C-alpha atoms as a PDB file:
ATOM      1  CA  MET A   1      -0.185   0.113  -0.093  1.00  0.00           C
ATOM      2  CA  ASP A   2       1.393   3.483  -1.181  1.00  0.00           C
ATOM      3  CA  ALA A   3       1.444   6.310   1.419  1.00  0.00           C
ATOM      4  CA  ARG A   4      -2.432   8.041   1.011  1.00  0.00           C
ATOM      5  CA  PHE A   5      -0.368  11.715   0.699  1.00  0.00           C
ATOM      6  CA  ASN A   6       2.735  12.879   0.686  1.00  0.00           C
ATOM      7  CA  LEU A   7       3.516  15.025   3.895  1.00  0.00           C
ATOM      8  CA  PHE A   8       6.462  16.117   2.925  1.00  0.00           C
ATOM      9  CA  ASP A   9       5.560  17.213  -0.069  1.00  0.00           C
ATOM     10  CA  ASN A  10       2.542  19.947   0.839  1.00  0.00           C
ATOM     11  CA  GLU A  11       3.271  23.690   1.712  1.00  0.00           C
ATOM     12  CA  ILE A  12       1.025  23.228   4.512  1.00  0.00           C
ATOM     13  CA  ALA A  13       2.194  19.948   5.756  1.00  0.00           C
ATOM     14  CA  GLY A  14       5.720  21.329   5.174  1.00  0.00           C
ATOM     15  CA  LYS A  15       5.612  23.992   7.259  1.00  0.00           C
ATOM     16  CA  PHE A  16       3.684  21.867  10.024  1.00  0.00           C
ATOM     17  CA  ALA A  17       6.535  19.376   9.731  1.00  0.00           C
ATOM     18  CA  LYS A  18       9.309  22.323   9.971  1.00  0.00           C
ATOM     19  CA  ARG A  19       7.730  23.753  13.646  1.00  0.00           C
ATOM     20  CA  PHE A  20       7.149  19.990  14.721  1.00  0.00           C
ATOM     21  CA  ALA A  21      10.945  19.080  13.983  1.00  0.00           C
ATOM     22  CA  ASN A  22      11.954  22.360  15.842  1.00  0.00           C
ATOM     23  CA  ALA A  23       9.808  21.403  19.248  1.00  0.00           C
ATOM     24  CA  GLY A  24      11.878  17.835  18.565  1.00  0.00           C
ATOM     25  CA  LEU A  25      14.867  19.726  18.737  1.00  0.00           C
ATOM     26  CA  VAL A  26      14.126  21.079  22.301  1.00  0.00           C
ATOM     27  CA  ILE A  27      13.617  17.517  23.569  1.00  0.00           C
ATOM     28  CA  GLN A  28      16.862  16.258  21.266  1.00  0.00           C
ATOM     29  CA  GLN A  29      19.012  18.801  22.859  1.00  0.00           C
ATOM     30  CA  SER A  30      17.654  18.352  26.485  1.00  0.00           C
ATOM     31  CA  PRO A  31      19.398  16.186  29.302  1.00  0.00           C
ATOM     32  CA  LEU A  32      17.193  13.485  28.891  1.00  0.00           C
ATOM     33  CA  PRO A  33      19.281  10.471  27.746  1.00  0.00           C
ATOM     34  CA  LYS A  34      19.203   9.769  24.553  1.00  0.00           C
ATOM     35  CA  ALA A  35      19.283   6.244  25.090  1.00  0.00           C
ATOM     36  CA  THR A  36      15.822   6.850  27.014  1.00  0.00           C
ATOM     37  CA  GLN A  37      14.613   9.131  23.919  1.00  0.00           C
ATOM     38  CA  GLU A  38      14.709   6.701  21.073  1.00  0.00           C
ATOM     39  CA  LEU A  39      13.460   3.275  23.303  1.00  0.00           C
ATOM     40  CA  VAL A  40      10.513   5.647  24.386  1.00  0.00           C
ATOM     41  CA  SER A  41       9.601   6.627  21.062  1.00  0.00           C
ATOM     42  CA  LEU A  42      10.104   2.967  20.092  1.00  0.00           C
ATOM     43  CA  ARG A  43       7.690   1.894  22.421  1.00  0.00           C
ATOM     44  CA  ALA A  44       5.127   4.382  22.076  1.00  0.00           C
ATOM     45  CA  SER A  45       5.429   3.868  18.267  1.00  0.00           C
ATOM     46  CA  GLN A  46       5.108   0.361  18.359  1.00  0.00           C
ATOM     47  CA  ILE A  47       2.553   0.193  20.522  1.00  0.00           C
ATOM     48  CA  ASN A  48       0.595   2.979  17.966  1.00  0.00           C
ATOM     49  CA  GLY A  49       2.000   0.488  14.883  1.00  0.00           C
ATOM     50  CA  CYS A  50       3.839   3.306  13.355  1.00  0.00           C
ATOM     51  CA  GLY A  51       6.016   1.210  10.947  1.00  0.00           C
ATOM     52  CA  TRP A  52       7.421   4.546  10.035  1.00  0.00           C
ATOM     53  CA  CYS A  53       8.678   5.420  13.172  1.00  0.00           C
ATOM     54  CA  ILE A  54       9.347   1.971  14.549  1.00  0.00           C
ATOM     55  CA  ASP A  55      11.662   2.126  11.391  1.00  0.00           C
ATOM     56  CA  MET A  56      13.111   5.692  11.978  1.00  0.00           C
ATOM     57  CA  HIS A  57      13.944   5.094  15.448  1.00  0.00           C
ATOM     58  CA  THR A  58      15.349   1.501  15.888  1.00  0.00           C
ATOM     59  CA  LYS A  59      17.586   2.837  13.279  1.00  0.00           C
ATOM     60  CA  GLU A  60      18.441   5.908  15.005  1.00  0.00           C
ATOM     61  CA  ALA A  61      19.164   4.282  17.813  1.00  0.00           C
ATOM     62  CA  ALA A  62      21.485   1.398  16.569  1.00  0.00           C
ATOM     63  CA  ALA A  63      23.578   3.691  14.736  1.00  0.00           C
ATOM     64  CA  ALA A  64      23.757   5.590  17.936  1.00  0.00           C
ATOM     65  CA  GLY A  65      25.379   2.924  19.829  1.00  0.00           C
ATOM     66  CA  GLU A  66      22.256   1.260  21.061  1.00  0.00           C
ATOM     67  CA  SER A  67      22.655  -2.939  21.251  1.00  0.00           C
ATOM     68  CA  ALA A  68      20.591  -5.157  19.366  1.00  0.00           C
ATOM     69  CA  VAL A  69      19.216  -6.857  22.195  1.00  0.00           C
ATOM     70  CA  ARG A  70      17.670  -3.999  24.087  1.00  0.00           C
ATOM     71  CA  LEU A  71      16.179  -2.845  20.642  1.00  0.00           C
ATOM     72  CA  ASN A  72      14.613  -6.461  20.543  1.00  0.00           C
ATOM     73  CA  LEU A  73      13.299  -6.609  24.037  1.00  0.00           C
ATOM     74  CA  VAL A  74      11.539  -2.738  24.108  1.00  0.00           C
ATOM     75  CA  ALA A  75       8.351  -4.432  23.634  1.00  0.00           C
ATOM     76  CA  ALA A  76       9.059  -6.927  26.634  1.00  0.00           C
ATOM     77  CA  TRP A  77      10.447  -4.602  28.982  1.00  0.00           C
ATOM     78  CA  ARG A  78       8.989  -5.966  31.588  1.00  0.00           C
ATOM     79  CA  GLU A  79      10.236  -9.104  31.007  1.00  0.00           C
ATOM     80  CA  SER A  80      13.751  -8.487  30.556  1.00  0.00           C
ATOM     81  CA  THR A  81      16.902  -7.558  32.988  1.00  0.00           C
ATOM     82  CA  VAL A  82      18.500  -4.728  29.925  1.00  0.00           C
ATOM     83  CA  PHE A  83      16.952  -1.872  31.042  1.00  0.00           C
ATOM     84  CA  THR A  84      17.727   0.107  34.079  1.00  0.00           C
ATOM     85  CA  GLU A  85      15.585   1.230  36.796  1.00  0.00           C
ATOM     86  CA  ALA A  86      15.245   4.945  35.319  1.00  0.00           C
ATOM     87  CA  GLU A  87      14.207   3.390  31.794  1.00  0.00           C
ATOM     88  CA  GLN A  88      11.735   0.667  32.965  1.00  0.00           C
ATOM     89  CA  ALA A  89      10.208   4.499  34.502  1.00  0.00           C
ATOM     90  CA  ALA A  90      10.230   6.121  31.399  1.00  0.00           C
ATOM     91  CA  LEU A  91       8.790   3.128  29.275  1.00  0.00           C
ATOM     92  CA  ALA A  92       6.073   2.973  31.631  1.00  0.00           C
ATOM     93  CA  LEU A  93       5.434   6.561  31.325  1.00  0.00           C
ATOM     94  CA  ALA A  94       5.799   5.893  27.474  1.00  0.00           C
ATOM     95  CA  GLU A  95       3.048   3.018  27.490  1.00  0.00           C
ATOM     96  CA  GLU A  96       0.497   4.563  30.125  1.00  0.00           C
ATOM     97  CA  GLY A  97       0.922   8.056  28.025  1.00  0.00           C
ATOM     98  CA  THR A  98       0.233   6.183  25.113  1.00  0.00           C
ATOM     99  CA  ARG A  99      -3.101   4.086  26.305  1.00  0.00           C
ATOM    100  CA  LEU A 100      -4.412   7.384  28.203  1.00  0.00           C
ATOM    101  CA  ALA A 101      -7.975   5.915  27.714  1.00  0.00           C
ATOM    102  CA  ASP A 102      -7.073   2.635  29.010  1.00  0.00           C
ATOM    103  CA  ALA A 103      -7.010   3.860  32.910  1.00  0.00           C
ATOM    104  CA  TYR A 104      -8.797   5.320  35.222  1.00  0.00           C
ATOM    105  CA  ARG A 105      -6.176   7.830  35.741  1.00  0.00           C
ATOM    106  CA  ALA A 106      -3.937   7.122  32.773  1.00  0.00           C
ATOM    107  CA  VAL A 107      -0.333   7.681  34.076  1.00  0.00           C
ATOM    108  CA  SER A 108      -0.542   5.581  37.368  1.00  0.00           C
ATOM    109  CA  ASP A 109       0.721   7.581  40.765  1.00  0.00           C
ATOM    110  CA  GLU A 110       3.234   4.394  41.085  1.00  0.00           C
ATOM    111  CA  THR A 111       4.714   5.527  37.273  1.00  0.00           C
ATOM    112  CA  TRP A 112       4.576   8.968  38.312  1.00  0.00           C
ATOM    113  CA  ALA A 113       6.742   8.340  41.364  1.00  0.00           C
ATOM    114  CA  GLU A 114       9.309   6.116  39.949  1.00  0.00           C
ATOM    115  CA  VAL A 115       9.649   8.744  37.050  1.00  0.00           C
ATOM    116  CA  ARG A 116      10.032  11.601  39.760  1.00  0.00           C
ATOM    117  CA  ARG A 117      12.931   9.555  41.326  1.00  0.00           C
ATOM    118  CA  HIS A 118      15.297   8.979  38.712  1.00  0.00           C
ATOM    119  CA  TYR A 119      14.635  11.953  36.830  1.00  0.00           C
ATOM    120  CA  ASP A 120      15.283  15.789  37.456  1.00  0.00           C
ATOM    121  CA  ASP A 121      12.379  18.382  36.652  1.00  0.00           C
ATOM    122  CA  ASP A 122      14.477  19.338  32.976  1.00  0.00           C
ATOM    123  CA  GLN A 123      14.432  15.379  32.213  1.00  0.00           C
ATOM    124  CA  VAL A 124      10.623  15.002  33.171  1.00  0.00           C
ATOM    125  CA  ALA A 125       9.486  18.096  30.884  1.00  0.00           C
ATOM    126  CA  ALA A 126      11.427  16.172  28.177  1.00  0.00           C
ATOM    127  CA  LEU A 127      10.319  13.253  28.743  1.00  0.00           C
ATOM    128  CA  VAL A 128       6.592  14.060  29.160  1.00  0.00           C
ATOM    129  CA  ALA A 129       6.758  16.018  26.013  1.00  0.00           C
ATOM    130  CA  LEU A 130       8.249  13.647  24.169  1.00  0.00           C
ATOM    131  CA  VAL A 131       5.623  11.314  25.295  1.00  0.00           C
ATOM    132  CA  ALA A 132       3.608  13.621  23.367  1.00  0.00           C
ATOM    133  CA  LEU A 133       5.362  14.192  20.358  1.00  0.00           C
ATOM    134  CA  ILE A 134       6.195  11.150  19.471  1.00  0.00           C
ATOM    135  CA  ASN A 135       2.206   9.972  19.675  1.00  0.00           C
ATOM    136  CA  ALA A 136       1.484  12.784  17.610  1.00  0.00           C
ATOM    137  CA  ALA A 137       4.514  11.664  15.189  1.00  0.00           C
ATOM    138  CA  ASN A 138       2.809   8.249  14.901  1.00  0.00           C
ATOM    139  CA  ARG A 139      -0.862   9.824  14.320  1.00  0.00           C
ATOM    140  CA  LEU A 140       0.389  11.371  11.226  1.00  0.00           C
ATOM    141  CA  ALA A 141       2.148   8.569   9.859  1.00  0.00           C
ATOM    142  CA  VAL A 142      -0.580   6.451  10.251  1.00  0.00           C
ATOM    143  CA  ILE A 143      -3.170   8.422   9.070  1.00  0.00           C
ATOM    144  CA  VAL A 144      -1.605   8.743   5.580  1.00  0.00           C
ATOM    145  CA  HIS A 145       0.090   5.107   5.246  1.00  0.00           C
ATOM    146  CA  GLN A 146       3.846   6.566   5.579  1.00  0.00           C
ATOM    147  CA  ARG A 147       5.560   3.167   5.626  1.00  0.00           C
ATOM    148  CA  GLY A 148       8.288   1.521   7.077  1.00  0.00           C
ATOM    149  CA  GLY A 149      11.227   0.254   5.551  1.00  0.00           C
ATOM    150  CA  SER A 150      13.130   2.781   4.014  1.00  0.00           C
ATOM    151  CA  TYR A 151      14.192   5.125   6.528  1.00  0.00           C
ATOM    152  CA  GLN A 152      18.366   5.796   6.959  1.00  0.00           C
ATOM    153  CA  PRO A 153      19.813   7.082  10.307  1.00  0.00           C
ATOM    154  CA  GLY A 154      20.156  10.836   9.921  1.00  0.00           C
ATOM    155  CA  MET A 155      16.978  10.949   7.056  1.00  0.00           C
ATOM    156  CA  PHE A 156      14.849  13.154   9.566  1.00  0.00           C
ATOM    157  CA  ALA A 157      17.125  15.433  11.043  1.00  0.00           C
ATOM    158  CA  ALA A 158      18.537  16.421   7.333  1.00  0.00           C
ATOM    159  CA  ALA A 159      15.563  17.057   5.932  1.00  0.00           C
ATOM    160  CA  PHE A 160      14.941  20.108   8.025  1.00  0.00           C
ATOM    161  CA  ASP A 161      18.762  21.479   8.195  1.00  0.00           C
END
């Protein structure tokens, strides 16, 4: 199936994408560890079934030195031993923040307490913004059927230089 609409080829979509990418830069330049950023983006993208974003974040993480074992275990992070407690807290927040309608309080007090235990205010701000941003990106790509498989590391950043 081809993409329904080329978000990179439309003037309005292009303007939006540039601003969207600028919002992402704030997170990328934050003190939130880069590995955590990619793991969180990957987990939310898996939940949302976004092939484009799964492709992008696995390749960007691998290019940055992330191990195949950790990337392969993101979907089953609770049943693995390769993630730190801080990363587990971030992955729990990513899941709960992505599945807002699945629980009464959306993000549980327990998950929030773990996030606060492991991350300072600037990192929490970046983490919350990242969960919101990746969910928006997933929705954009899934709606227009932007398919995974063709992404090359650095491709997204190069498009907005």
